[in-house]
Amino acid sequence: MTTNEDLHELTAAYALDALDADERSAYEAHLAGCDRCRADLDDLGETVGALALATEGPAPPDALRDRILVAAREEGPSNVVSIGSSRRRRWYAVGAAAAVAAVGLAIGLSVALSGGGSSSNKLAASVSVDNGVAELTVSGLPDAPAGKAYEIWVIEGTSAPKPAGLFTDTGEPVTLTRPAPSGSTVAVTLEQAAGADTPTPPIRVSTTVSA
């Protein structure tokens, strides 16, 4: 019998779309009357949304795959144990997926901030802050096409990205419409000319605001 506590524990899996059809149906019926799960789901939704904006990282080298396969063969089956129930197996899978996503986010953001690791890549962004007013300067982006505009976003930790202004011509400083605290990420996406309430991936360029 599935209890309320069991259903509470499905929130993270639901946010990651890792439930089967029966579990999803049961959870959604429970969600309609559970303030706790709705609040938890809102918090997880912001985190998932922020991860979705991560710049795509480089493909791992073939040598890394080979080393992993060799290590797995050398380890052999002696340490393989039964995980148990299907629910527990699913949670191990969810945890592994989350770990991979976190690594991908870190690699992708590092590559974005370093210009992709190529000396020929001139795409760059910098933010200067004076008396609480932030200015973004972007180089290497083409001017926005007709009917489009570049939108600036301020991302603090795992909070949802907040819009901070629009521009179409690159190369000149753009004053942000909201503060950009030290340690926050300032990112740019291409949107319709009027802007958007939520960013459309991928991030075109991003940088971290220094102290």
N, C-alpha and C. Protein backbone atom coordinates (compact mmCIF):
# COMPACT_ATOMS: atom_id res chain seq x y z
N MET A 1 0.84 -1.19 0.00
CA MET A 1 0.00 0.00 0.00
C MET A 1 0.88 1.24 0.00
N THR A 2 0.57 2.18 -0.86
CA THR A 2 1.35 3.41 -0.94
C THR A 2 0.83 4.42 0.06
N THR A 3 1.73 4.90 0.93
CA THR A 3 1.34 5.87 1.95
C THR A 3 1.67 7.29 1.47
N ASN A 4 1.17 8.27 2.23
CA ASN A 4 1.49 9.67 1.92
C ASN A 4 3.00 9.90 1.97
N GLU A 5 3.65 9.26 2.96
CA GLU A 5 5.10 9.46 3.08
C GLU A 5 5.82 8.92 1.85
N ASP A 6 5.33 7.78 1.33
CA ASP A 6 5.91 7.24 0.09
C ASP A 6 5.76 8.24 -1.04
N LEU A 7 4.59 8.87 -1.12
CA LEU A 7 4.33 9.82 -2.19
C LEU A 7 5.16 11.09 -2.03
N HIS A 8 5.37 11.52 -0.77
CA HIS A 8 6.25 12.68 -0.55
C HIS A 8 7.63 12.42 -1.15
N GLU A 9 8.11 11.19 -1.04
CA GLU A 9 9.46 10.85 -1.48
C GLU A 9 9.60 10.80 -3.00
N LEU A 10 8.48 10.90 -3.71
CA LEU A 10 8.52 10.84 -5.17
C LEU A 10 8.72 12.21 -5.81
N THR A 11 8.80 13.28 -5.00
CA THR A 11 8.84 14.63 -5.57
C THR A 11 10.03 14.83 -6.50
N ALA A 12 11.23 14.45 -6.04
CA ALA A 12 12.43 14.65 -6.87
C ALA A 12 12.35 13.84 -8.16
N ALA A 13 11.87 12.60 -8.05
CA ALA A 13 11.76 11.76 -9.25
C ALA A 13 10.73 12.34 -10.22
N TYR A 14 9.66 12.92 -9.68
CA TYR A 14 8.64 13.55 -10.55
C TYR A 14 9.24 14.75 -11.27
N ALA A 15 10.03 15.56 -10.55
CA ALA A 15 10.65 16.74 -11.17
C ALA A 15 11.60 16.35 -12.29
N LEU A 16 12.24 15.17 -12.15
CA LEU A 16 13.18 14.70 -13.16
C LEU A 16 12.51 13.79 -14.20
N ASP A 17 11.18 13.67 -14.13
CA ASP A 17 10.42 12.85 -15.07
C ASP A 17 10.90 11.40 -15.03
N ALA A 18 11.10 10.88 -13.79
CA ALA A 18 11.63 9.53 -13.64
C ALA A 18 10.60 8.55 -13.08
N LEU A 19 9.31 8.90 -13.10
CA LEU A 19 8.26 8.01 -12.61
C LEU A 19 7.62 7.24 -13.75
N ASP A 20 7.13 6.03 -13.44
CA ASP A 20 6.36 5.32 -14.46
C ASP A 20 4.93 5.88 -14.46
N ALA A 21 4.11 5.42 -15.39
CA ALA A 21 2.78 6.00 -15.59
C ALA A 21 1.91 5.88 -14.35
N ASP A 22 1.93 4.72 -13.66
CA ASP A 22 1.09 4.53 -12.48
C ASP A 22 1.54 5.43 -11.34
N GLU A 23 2.85 5.53 -11.14
CA GLU A 23 3.37 6.37 -10.07
C GLU A 23 3.08 7.85 -10.34
N ARG A 24 3.24 8.24 -11.61
CA ARG A 24 2.96 9.64 -11.96
C ARG A 24 1.49 9.97 -11.67
N SER A 25 0.58 9.08 -12.05
CA SER A 25 -0.85 9.31 -11.82
C SER A 25 -1.15 9.42 -10.34
N ALA A 26 -0.58 8.52 -9.53
CA ALA A 26 -0.82 8.55 -8.09
C ALA A 26 -0.23 9.81 -7.47
N TYR A 27 0.97 10.18 -7.92
CA TYR A 27 1.61 11.37 -7.36
C TYR A 27 0.84 12.64 -7.71
N GLU A 28 0.38 12.76 -8.95
CA GLU A 28 -0.35 13.95 -9.35
C GLU A 28 -1.68 14.08 -8.60
N ALA A 29 -2.33 12.95 -8.31
CA ALA A 29 -3.55 13.00 -7.51
C ALA A 29 -3.24 13.47 -6.09
N HIS A 30 -2.13 12.98 -5.54
CA HIS A 30 -1.68 13.41 -4.21
C HIS A 30 -1.27 14.87 -4.20
N LEU A 31 -0.61 15.32 -5.26
CA LEU A 31 -0.08 16.68 -5.35
C LEU A 31 -1.19 17.73 -5.24
N ALA A 32 -2.36 17.42 -5.77
CA ALA A 32 -3.46 18.38 -5.78
C ALA A 32 -3.85 18.81 -4.37
N GLY A 33 -3.61 17.96 -3.36
CA GLY A 33 -4.01 18.31 -2.01
C GLY A 33 -2.87 18.40 -1.02
N CYS A 34 -1.63 18.47 -1.51
CA CYS A 34 -0.47 18.46 -0.60
C CYS A 34 0.34 19.75 -0.77
N ASP A 35 0.22 20.67 0.17
CA ASP A 35 0.98 21.92 0.11
C ASP A 35 2.49 21.66 0.19
N ARG A 36 2.88 20.69 1.01
CA ARG A 36 4.30 20.39 1.18
C ARG A 36 4.94 19.98 -0.14
N CYS A 37 4.30 19.08 -0.86
CA CYS A 37 4.87 18.60 -2.12
C CYS A 37 4.87 19.69 -3.18
N ARG A 38 3.83 20.52 -3.20
CA ARG A 38 3.79 21.61 -4.18
C ARG A 38 4.94 22.59 -3.94
N ALA A 39 5.22 22.89 -2.66
CA ALA A 39 6.32 23.80 -2.33
C ALA A 39 7.66 23.17 -2.71
N ASP A 40 7.83 21.87 -2.39
CA ASP A 40 9.08 21.19 -2.73
C ASP A 40 9.27 21.15 -4.25
N LEU A 41 8.18 20.91 -4.97
CA LEU A 41 8.26 20.82 -6.42
C LEU A 41 8.63 22.17 -7.03
N ASP A 42 8.09 23.26 -6.47
CA ASP A 42 8.46 24.60 -6.96
C ASP A 42 9.94 24.85 -6.78
N ASP A 43 10.49 24.47 -5.62
CA ASP A 43 11.92 24.66 -5.36
C ASP A 43 12.77 23.85 -6.34
N LEU A 44 12.36 22.59 -6.56
CA LEU A 44 13.11 21.74 -7.48
C LEU A 44 13.00 22.24 -8.91
N GLY A 45 11.82 22.81 -9.26
CA GLY A 45 11.63 23.32 -10.62
C GLY A 45 12.60 24.43 -10.94
N GLU A 46 12.90 25.31 -9.96
CA GLU A 46 13.85 26.39 -10.20
C GLU A 46 15.24 25.83 -10.44
N THR A 47 15.60 24.78 -9.67
CA THR A 47 16.93 24.18 -9.85
C THR A 47 17.05 23.53 -11.21
N VAL A 48 16.01 22.76 -11.60
CA VAL A 48 16.03 22.10 -12.91
C VAL A 48 16.09 23.14 -14.01
N GLY A 49 15.35 24.26 -13.85
CA GLY A 49 15.38 25.32 -14.86
C GLY A 49 16.75 25.93 -14.99
N ALA A 50 17.44 26.14 -13.87
CA ALA A 50 18.78 26.70 -13.93
C ALA A 50 19.75 25.75 -14.60
N LEU A 51 19.61 24.46 -14.31
CA LEU A 51 20.48 23.48 -14.97
C LEU A 51 20.25 23.44 -16.47
N ALA A 52 19.01 23.65 -16.88
CA ALA A 52 18.71 23.62 -18.31
C ALA A 52 19.41 24.73 -19.06
N LEU A 53 19.81 25.79 -18.36
CA LEU A 53 20.47 26.91 -19.01
C LEU A 53 21.97 26.72 -19.12
N ALA A 54 22.48 25.66 -18.54
CA ALA A 54 23.93 25.48 -18.57
C ALA A 54 24.42 25.36 -20.00
N THR A 55 25.54 26.04 -20.31
CA THR A 55 26.15 25.92 -21.62
C THR A 55 26.61 24.49 -21.83
N GLU A 56 26.37 23.95 -23.00
CA GLU A 56 26.74 22.57 -23.28
C GLU A 56 28.24 22.40 -23.18
N GLY A 57 28.68 21.43 -22.42
CA GLY A 57 30.11 21.19 -22.24
C GLY A 57 30.70 20.39 -23.38
N PRO A 58 32.02 20.27 -23.40
CA PRO A 58 32.68 19.53 -24.47
C PRO A 58 32.43 18.04 -24.33
N ALA A 59 32.46 17.31 -25.44
CA ALA A 59 32.30 15.86 -25.40
C ALA A 59 33.51 15.25 -24.71
N PRO A 60 33.31 14.23 -23.83
CA PRO A 60 34.46 13.62 -23.16
C PRO A 60 35.34 12.92 -24.18
N PRO A 61 36.64 12.92 -23.96
CA PRO A 61 37.55 12.27 -24.90
C PRO A 61 37.32 10.77 -24.95
N ASP A 62 37.59 10.15 -26.11
CA ASP A 62 37.42 8.71 -26.24
C ASP A 62 38.26 7.95 -25.23
N ALA A 63 39.42 8.49 -24.89
CA ALA A 63 40.32 7.81 -23.96
C ALA A 63 39.68 7.65 -22.59
N LEU A 64 38.84 8.63 -22.18
CA LEU A 64 38.17 8.53 -20.89
C LEU A 64 37.21 7.36 -20.88
N ARG A 65 36.44 7.19 -21.95
CA ARG A 65 35.51 6.06 -22.04
C ARG A 65 36.28 4.74 -21.95
N ASP A 66 37.40 4.65 -22.67
CA ASP A 66 38.19 3.42 -22.66
C ASP A 66 38.70 3.11 -21.26
N ARG A 67 39.16 4.15 -20.54
CA ARG A 67 39.68 3.92 -19.19
C ARG A 67 38.59 3.43 -18.25
N ILE A 68 37.37 3.98 -18.41
CA ILE A 68 36.26 3.55 -17.57
C ILE A 68 35.91 2.09 -17.83
N LEU A 69 35.87 1.71 -19.12
CA LEU A 69 35.54 0.32 -19.47
C LEU A 69 36.60 -0.65 -18.96
N VAL A 70 37.87 -0.26 -19.08
CA VAL A 70 38.95 -1.12 -18.59
C VAL A 70 38.84 -1.30 -17.08
N ALA A 71 38.58 -0.19 -16.36
CA ALA A 71 38.46 -0.27 -14.91
C ALA A 71 37.28 -1.15 -14.50
N ALA A 72 36.18 -1.07 -15.25
CA ALA A 72 35.01 -1.89 -14.93
C ALA A 72 35.30 -3.37 -15.12
N ARG A 73 36.04 -3.69 -16.21
CA ARG A 73 36.38 -5.11 -16.46
C ARG A 73 37.31 -5.64 -15.37
N GLU A 74 38.27 -4.78 -14.95
CA GLU A 74 39.21 -5.23 -13.93
C GLU A 74 38.53 -5.41 -12.58
N GLU A 75 37.51 -4.58 -12.31
CA GLU A 75 36.79 -4.68 -11.04
C GLU A 75 36.01 -5.98 -10.96
N GLY A 76 35.45 -6.42 -12.13
CA GLY A 76 34.73 -7.67 -12.16
C GLY A 76 33.40 -7.59 -11.44
N PRO A 77 32.69 -8.73 -11.39
CA PRO A 77 31.33 -8.73 -10.82
C PRO A 77 31.28 -8.91 -9.31
N SER A 78 32.46 -9.06 -8.64
CA SER A 78 32.43 -9.44 -7.23
C SER A 78 31.77 -8.40 -6.34
N ASN A 79 31.82 -7.13 -6.77
CA ASN A 79 31.24 -6.08 -5.93
C ASN A 79 29.83 -5.69 -6.34
N VAL A 80 29.23 -6.44 -7.27
CA VAL A 80 27.87 -6.14 -7.71
C VAL A 80 26.89 -6.77 -6.73
N VAL A 81 26.01 -5.95 -6.15
CA VAL A 81 25.04 -6.46 -5.19
C VAL A 81 23.65 -6.09 -5.65
N SER A 82 22.68 -6.82 -5.17
CA SER A 82 21.29 -6.53 -5.51
C SER A 82 20.85 -5.29 -4.75
N ILE A 83 20.31 -4.31 -5.47
CA ILE A 83 19.86 -3.07 -4.84
C ILE A 83 18.53 -3.27 -4.14
N GLY A 84 17.72 -4.18 -4.64
CA GLY A 84 16.45 -4.45 -3.95
C GLY A 84 15.27 -4.07 -4.80
N SER A 85 14.38 -3.29 -4.23
CA SER A 85 13.12 -2.98 -4.88
C SER A 85 13.32 -2.10 -6.09
N SER A 86 12.30 -2.09 -6.97
CA SER A 86 12.36 -1.24 -8.16
C SER A 86 12.43 0.22 -7.77
N ARG A 87 11.77 0.58 -6.65
CA ARG A 87 11.82 1.99 -6.20
C ARG A 87 13.24 2.37 -5.84
N ARG A 88 13.94 1.47 -5.11
CA ARG A 88 15.31 1.79 -4.73
C ARG A 88 16.21 1.87 -5.96
N ARG A 89 16.01 0.98 -6.92
CA ARG A 89 16.81 1.04 -8.16
C ARG A 89 16.58 2.36 -8.86
N ARG A 90 15.30 2.80 -8.90
CA ARG A 90 15.01 4.06 -9.57
C ARG A 90 15.69 5.22 -8.86
N TRP A 91 15.72 5.20 -7.51
CA TRP A 91 16.35 6.31 -6.78
C TRP A 91 17.85 6.33 -7.01
N TYR A 92 18.47 5.14 -7.13
CA TYR A 92 19.89 5.13 -7.48
C TYR A 92 20.10 5.74 -8.86
N ALA A 93 19.18 5.44 -9.78
CA ALA A 93 19.30 6.01 -11.13
C ALA A 93 19.11 7.52 -11.11
N VAL A 94 18.13 7.99 -10.32
CA VAL A 94 17.89 9.43 -10.22
C VAL A 94 19.11 10.12 -9.63
N GLY A 95 19.68 9.52 -8.58
CA GLY A 95 20.86 10.11 -7.96
C GLY A 95 22.03 10.17 -8.92
N ALA A 96 22.22 9.10 -9.70
CA ALA A 96 23.30 9.10 -10.68
C ALA A 96 23.09 10.16 -11.74
N ALA A 97 21.84 10.29 -12.21
CA ALA A 97 21.53 11.30 -13.22
C ALA A 97 21.79 12.70 -12.69
N ALA A 98 21.42 12.95 -11.42
CA ALA A 98 21.66 14.26 -10.83
C ALA A 98 23.15 14.55 -10.71
N ALA A 99 23.92 13.52 -10.35
CA ALA A 99 25.36 13.73 -10.23
C ALA A 99 25.98 14.06 -11.59
N VAL A 100 25.55 13.33 -12.63
CA VAL A 100 26.06 13.60 -13.97
C VAL A 100 25.69 15.01 -14.41
N ALA A 101 24.43 15.42 -14.12
CA ALA A 101 23.99 16.76 -14.49
C ALA A 101 24.82 17.82 -13.80
N ALA A 102 25.15 17.60 -12.51
CA ALA A 102 25.94 18.58 -11.78
C ALA A 102 27.33 18.70 -12.36
N VAL A 103 27.95 17.56 -12.73
CA VAL A 103 29.27 17.59 -13.35
C VAL A 103 29.21 18.30 -14.69
N GLY A 104 28.16 17.99 -15.48
CA GLY A 104 28.01 18.65 -16.78
C GLY A 104 27.85 20.14 -16.65
N LEU A 105 27.08 20.58 -15.62
CA LEU A 105 26.89 22.00 -15.39
C LEU A 105 28.21 22.67 -15.07
N ALA A 106 29.00 22.07 -14.19
CA ALA A 106 30.27 22.67 -13.81
C ALA A 106 31.22 22.76 -15.00
N ILE A 107 31.30 21.68 -15.81
CA ILE A 107 32.17 21.69 -16.97
C ILE A 107 31.69 22.71 -17.99
N GLY A 108 30.37 22.72 -18.24
CA GLY A 108 29.83 23.64 -19.25
C GLY A 108 30.06 25.08 -18.89
N LEU A 109 29.83 25.43 -17.61
CA LEU A 109 30.01 26.81 -17.20
C LEU A 109 31.48 27.19 -17.25
N SER A 110 32.36 26.25 -16.86
CA SER A 110 33.79 26.54 -16.90
C SER A 110 34.24 26.80 -18.33
N VAL A 111 33.75 26.01 -19.28
CA VAL A 111 34.12 26.21 -20.68
C VAL A 111 33.60 27.54 -21.19
N ALA A 112 32.36 27.89 -20.81
CA ALA A 112 31.78 29.15 -21.26
C ALA A 112 32.59 30.34 -20.76
N LEU A 113 33.01 30.28 -19.50
CA LEU A 113 33.73 31.41 -18.93
C LEU A 113 35.16 31.49 -19.43
N SER A 114 35.70 30.38 -19.93
CA SER A 114 37.07 30.40 -20.42
C SER A 114 37.14 30.61 -21.93
N GLY A 115 35.98 30.85 -22.55
CA GLY A 115 35.98 31.08 -23.99
C GLY A 115 36.07 29.81 -24.79
N GLY A 116 35.69 28.65 -24.18
CA GLY A 116 35.66 27.39 -24.91
C GLY A 116 37.00 26.72 -25.04
N GLY A 117 38.05 27.28 -24.43
CA GLY A 117 39.35 26.64 -24.46
C GLY A 117 40.08 26.85 -25.77
N SER A 118 39.60 27.71 -26.62
CA SER A 118 40.25 27.95 -27.90
C SER A 118 40.74 29.38 -27.98
N SER A 119 42.01 29.57 -28.34
CA SER A 119 42.58 30.90 -28.41
C SER A 119 41.96 31.71 -29.53
N SER A 120 41.31 31.02 -30.51
CA SER A 120 40.73 31.73 -31.65
C SER A 120 39.29 32.17 -31.37
N ASN A 121 38.73 31.75 -30.22
CA ASN A 121 37.37 32.10 -29.88
C ASN A 121 37.35 33.48 -29.24
N LYS A 122 36.74 34.46 -29.91
CA LYS A 122 36.74 35.83 -29.42
C LYS A 122 35.47 36.16 -28.64
N LEU A 123 34.59 35.18 -28.45
CA LEU A 123 33.36 35.41 -27.71
C LEU A 123 33.69 35.63 -26.24
N ALA A 124 33.27 36.76 -25.69
CA ALA A 124 33.60 37.07 -24.30
C ALA A 124 32.56 38.01 -23.71
N ALA A 125 32.47 38.01 -22.39
CA ALA A 125 31.57 38.91 -21.68
C ALA A 125 32.24 39.36 -20.40
N SER A 126 31.97 40.59 -20.00
CA SER A 126 32.50 41.10 -18.74
C SER A 126 31.47 42.02 -18.11
N VAL A 127 31.46 42.06 -16.78
CA VAL A 127 30.53 42.91 -16.04
C VAL A 127 31.32 43.82 -15.12
N SER A 128 31.01 45.10 -15.16
CA SER A 128 31.58 46.05 -14.20
C SER A 128 30.45 46.61 -13.35
N VAL A 129 30.74 46.83 -12.07
CA VAL A 129 29.73 47.34 -11.14
C VAL A 129 30.26 48.60 -10.49
N ASP A 130 29.48 49.67 -10.56
CA ASP A 130 29.87 50.93 -9.96
C ASP A 130 28.68 51.48 -9.16
N ASN A 131 28.87 51.57 -7.83
CA ASN A 131 27.79 52.05 -6.95
C ASN A 131 26.50 51.26 -7.13
N GLY A 132 26.64 49.95 -7.29
CA GLY A 132 25.48 49.08 -7.40
C GLY A 132 24.88 48.96 -8.79
N VAL A 133 25.38 49.78 -9.75
CA VAL A 133 24.88 49.72 -11.12
C VAL A 133 25.82 48.86 -11.96
N ALA A 134 25.26 47.81 -12.57
CA ALA A 134 26.08 46.86 -13.35
C ALA A 134 25.97 47.14 -14.83
N GLU A 135 27.11 47.01 -15.52
CA GLU A 135 27.16 47.15 -16.98
C GLU A 135 27.78 45.89 -17.57
N LEU A 136 27.17 45.41 -18.64
CA LEU A 136 27.65 44.22 -19.34
C LEU A 136 28.23 44.63 -20.68
N THR A 137 29.42 44.12 -20.99
CA THR A 137 30.02 44.32 -22.30
C THR A 137 30.25 42.95 -22.93
N VAL A 138 29.74 42.76 -24.14
CA VAL A 138 29.86 41.49 -24.85
C VAL A 138 30.61 41.71 -26.15
N SER A 139 31.53 40.83 -26.47
CA SER A 139 32.22 40.88 -27.75
C SER A 139 32.16 39.50 -28.39
N GLY A 140 32.19 39.49 -29.71
CA GLY A 140 32.19 38.21 -30.43
C GLY A 140 30.83 37.72 -30.85
N LEU A 141 29.75 38.37 -30.41
CA LEU A 141 28.40 38.01 -30.84
C LEU A 141 28.02 38.85 -32.05
N PRO A 142 27.35 38.29 -33.04
CA PRO A 142 26.82 39.12 -34.12
C PRO A 142 25.66 39.95 -33.60
N ASP A 143 25.35 41.05 -34.26
CA ASP A 143 24.17 41.82 -33.88
C ASP A 143 22.93 40.94 -33.99
N ALA A 144 21.95 41.20 -33.16
CA ALA A 144 20.72 40.39 -33.16
C ALA A 144 20.01 40.51 -34.51
N PRO A 145 19.49 39.40 -35.04
CA PRO A 145 18.75 39.46 -36.30
C PRO A 145 17.44 40.22 -36.16
N ALA A 146 16.84 40.59 -37.28
CA ALA A 146 15.58 41.34 -37.27
C ALA A 146 14.52 40.59 -36.47
N GLY A 147 13.79 41.32 -35.64
CA GLY A 147 12.73 40.72 -34.83
C GLY A 147 13.22 40.02 -33.59
N LYS A 148 14.53 40.06 -33.36
CA LYS A 148 15.11 39.39 -32.19
C LYS A 148 15.90 40.40 -31.36
N ALA A 149 16.19 40.03 -30.13
CA ALA A 149 17.03 40.84 -29.25
C ALA A 149 17.76 39.90 -28.30
N TYR A 150 18.91 40.34 -27.85
CA TYR A 150 19.62 39.60 -26.80
C TYR A 150 19.06 40.05 -25.46
N GLU A 151 18.74 39.07 -24.61
CA GLU A 151 18.23 39.38 -23.28
C GLU A 151 19.26 38.98 -22.22
N ILE A 152 19.42 39.84 -21.24
CA ILE A 152 20.37 39.62 -20.16
C ILE A 152 19.63 39.01 -18.98
N TRP A 153 20.29 38.05 -18.31
CA TRP A 153 19.69 37.38 -17.15
C TRP A 153 20.69 37.39 -16.00
N VAL A 154 20.19 37.62 -14.79
CA VAL A 154 21.01 37.50 -13.59
C VAL A 154 20.58 36.24 -12.85
N ILE A 155 21.56 35.36 -12.59
CA ILE A 155 21.28 34.07 -11.95
C ILE A 155 22.06 34.01 -10.64
N GLU A 156 21.35 33.91 -9.52
CA GLU A 156 21.99 33.81 -8.21
C GLU A 156 21.79 32.40 -7.66
N GLY A 157 22.87 31.65 -7.59
CA GLY A 157 22.81 30.28 -7.08
C GLY A 157 21.87 29.44 -7.92
N THR A 158 20.92 28.76 -7.25
CA THR A 158 19.96 27.92 -7.96
C THR A 158 18.63 28.62 -8.16
N SER A 159 18.59 29.94 -7.89
CA SER A 159 17.35 30.69 -8.09
C SER A 159 17.03 30.79 -9.57
N ALA A 160 15.76 31.02 -9.88
CA ALA A 160 15.35 31.17 -11.27
C ALA A 160 16.02 32.41 -11.87
N PRO A 161 16.45 32.34 -13.14
CA PRO A 161 17.06 33.50 -13.80
C PRO A 161 16.10 34.69 -13.83
N LYS A 162 16.62 35.88 -13.60
CA LYS A 162 15.80 37.10 -13.59
C LYS A 162 16.21 38.00 -14.76
N PRO A 163 15.23 38.50 -15.54
CA PRO A 163 15.57 39.36 -16.69
C PRO A 163 16.21 40.66 -16.24
N ALA A 164 17.19 41.13 -17.03
CA ALA A 164 17.95 42.32 -16.62
C ALA A 164 18.23 43.26 -17.78
N GLY A 165 17.45 43.18 -18.86
CA GLY A 165 17.63 44.13 -19.94
C GLY A 165 17.75 43.48 -21.30
N LEU A 166 17.62 44.29 -22.35
CA LEU A 166 17.69 43.84 -23.74
C LEU A 166 18.70 44.69 -24.50
N PHE A 167 19.31 44.08 -25.52
CA PHE A 167 20.15 44.85 -26.43
C PHE A 167 20.20 44.14 -27.78
N THR A 168 20.50 44.88 -28.83
CA THR A 168 20.59 44.30 -30.17
C THR A 168 21.97 44.46 -30.78
N ASP A 169 22.65 45.55 -30.42
CA ASP A 169 24.00 45.80 -30.95
C ASP A 169 25.03 45.39 -29.90
N THR A 170 26.04 44.68 -30.32
CA THR A 170 27.05 44.20 -29.37
C THR A 170 28.29 45.08 -29.43
N GLY A 171 29.11 44.95 -28.41
CA GLY A 171 30.36 45.70 -28.37
C GLY A 171 30.32 46.92 -27.48
N GLU A 172 29.11 47.45 -27.21
CA GLU A 172 28.97 48.62 -26.35
C GLU A 172 28.42 48.19 -24.99
N PRO A 173 28.85 48.84 -23.90
CA PRO A 173 28.33 48.48 -22.57
C PRO A 173 26.81 48.66 -22.49
N VAL A 174 26.15 47.73 -21.81
CA VAL A 174 24.71 47.78 -21.61
C VAL A 174 24.44 47.82 -20.10
N THR A 175 23.69 48.81 -19.65
CA THR A 175 23.37 48.92 -18.23
C THR A 175 22.26 47.94 -17.87
N LEU A 176 22.51 47.11 -16.85
CA LEU A 176 21.51 46.14 -16.41
C LEU A 176 20.38 46.85 -15.67
N THR A 177 19.19 46.31 -15.79
CA THR A 177 18.02 46.91 -15.14
C THR A 177 17.82 46.41 -13.72
N ARG A 178 18.70 45.52 -13.26
CA ARG A 178 18.63 45.04 -11.89
C ARG A 178 20.07 44.83 -11.39
N PRO A 179 20.25 44.80 -10.07
CA PRO A 179 21.59 44.57 -9.53
C PRO A 179 22.13 43.20 -9.91
N ALA A 180 23.45 43.09 -9.99
CA ALA A 180 24.13 41.82 -10.23
C ALA A 180 25.11 41.60 -9.10
N PRO A 181 24.70 40.93 -8.02
CA PRO A 181 25.56 40.77 -6.85
C PRO A 181 26.84 40.00 -7.17
N SER A 182 27.86 40.23 -6.35
CA SER A 182 29.10 39.50 -6.49
C SER A 182 28.84 38.00 -6.41
N GLY A 183 29.42 37.24 -7.33
CA GLY A 183 29.24 35.79 -7.36
C GLY A 183 28.08 35.32 -8.21
N SER A 184 27.21 36.23 -8.62
CA SER A 184 26.09 35.84 -9.48
C SER A 184 26.59 35.65 -10.91
N THR A 185 25.79 34.96 -11.71
CA THR A 185 26.11 34.76 -13.12
C THR A 185 25.25 35.69 -13.96
N VAL A 186 25.88 36.37 -14.90
CA VAL A 186 25.15 37.18 -15.88
C VAL A 186 25.24 36.45 -17.22
N ALA A 187 24.09 36.11 -17.77
CA ALA A 187 24.02 35.32 -18.99
C ALA A 187 23.20 36.03 -20.05
N VAL A 188 23.42 35.64 -21.30
CA VAL A 188 22.73 36.26 -22.44
C VAL A 188 22.09 35.18 -23.29
N THR A 189 20.81 35.36 -23.64
CA THR A 189 20.13 34.47 -24.57
C THR A 189 19.53 35.30 -25.70
N LEU A 190 19.19 34.63 -26.80
CA LEU A 190 18.55 35.30 -27.92
C LEU A 190 17.05 35.07 -27.83
N GLU A 191 16.28 36.17 -27.80
CA GLU A 191 14.83 36.09 -27.61
C GLU A 191 14.12 36.91 -28.68
N GLN A 192 12.78 36.86 -28.66
CA GLN A 192 12.00 37.77 -29.48
C GLN A 192 12.30 39.21 -29.05
N ALA A 193 12.06 40.17 -29.95
CA ALA A 193 12.46 41.55 -29.70
C ALA A 193 11.89 42.12 -28.41
N ALA A 194 10.70 41.68 -28.02
CA ALA A 194 10.07 42.20 -26.81
C ALA A 194 10.62 41.57 -25.54
N GLY A 195 11.46 40.56 -25.67
CA GLY A 195 11.99 39.88 -24.51
C GLY A 195 11.10 38.73 -24.07
N ALA A 196 11.54 38.01 -23.05
CA ALA A 196 10.81 36.83 -22.56
C ALA A 196 10.79 36.84 -21.04
N ASP A 197 9.82 36.11 -20.47
CA ASP A 197 9.75 35.98 -19.02
C ASP A 197 10.71 34.92 -18.50
N THR A 198 10.97 33.92 -19.33
CA THR A 198 11.93 32.87 -18.99
C THR A 198 12.90 32.70 -20.16
N PRO A 199 14.15 32.40 -19.88
CA PRO A 199 15.15 32.34 -20.95
C PRO A 199 14.98 31.14 -21.88
N THR A 200 15.36 31.34 -23.13
CA THR A 200 15.33 30.28 -24.13
C THR A 200 16.75 29.77 -24.35
N PRO A 201 17.05 28.52 -23.95
CA PRO A 201 18.40 28.01 -24.17
C PRO A 201 18.72 27.97 -25.67
N PRO A 202 20.00 28.01 -26.04
CA PRO A 202 21.16 27.95 -25.15
C PRO A 202 21.61 29.34 -24.72
N ILE A 203 22.42 29.37 -23.67
CA ILE A 203 23.09 30.61 -23.29
C ILE A 203 24.11 30.94 -24.37
N ARG A 204 24.09 32.17 -24.87
CA ARG A 204 25.03 32.59 -25.91
C ARG A 204 26.39 32.93 -25.33
N VAL A 205 26.39 33.54 -24.14
CA VAL A 205 27.63 33.87 -23.44
C VAL A 205 27.27 34.14 -21.99
N SER A 206 28.20 33.93 -21.07
CA SER A 206 27.93 34.19 -19.67
C SER A 206 29.23 34.52 -18.96
N THR A 207 29.10 35.13 -17.80
CA THR A 207 30.25 35.45 -16.98
C THR A 207 29.83 35.54 -15.53
N THR A 208 30.76 35.41 -14.62
CA THR A 208 30.49 35.52 -13.19
C THR A 208 30.94 36.89 -12.70
N VAL A 209 30.10 37.53 -11.92
CA VAL A 209 30.42 38.85 -11.38
C VAL A 209 31.45 38.71 -10.28
N SER A 210 32.58 39.37 -10.43
CA SER A 210 33.65 39.27 -9.44
C SER A 210 33.39 40.23 -8.29
N ALA A 211 34.09 39.98 -7.19
CA ALA A 211 33.92 40.82 -6.01
C ALA A 211 34.43 42.23 -6.26
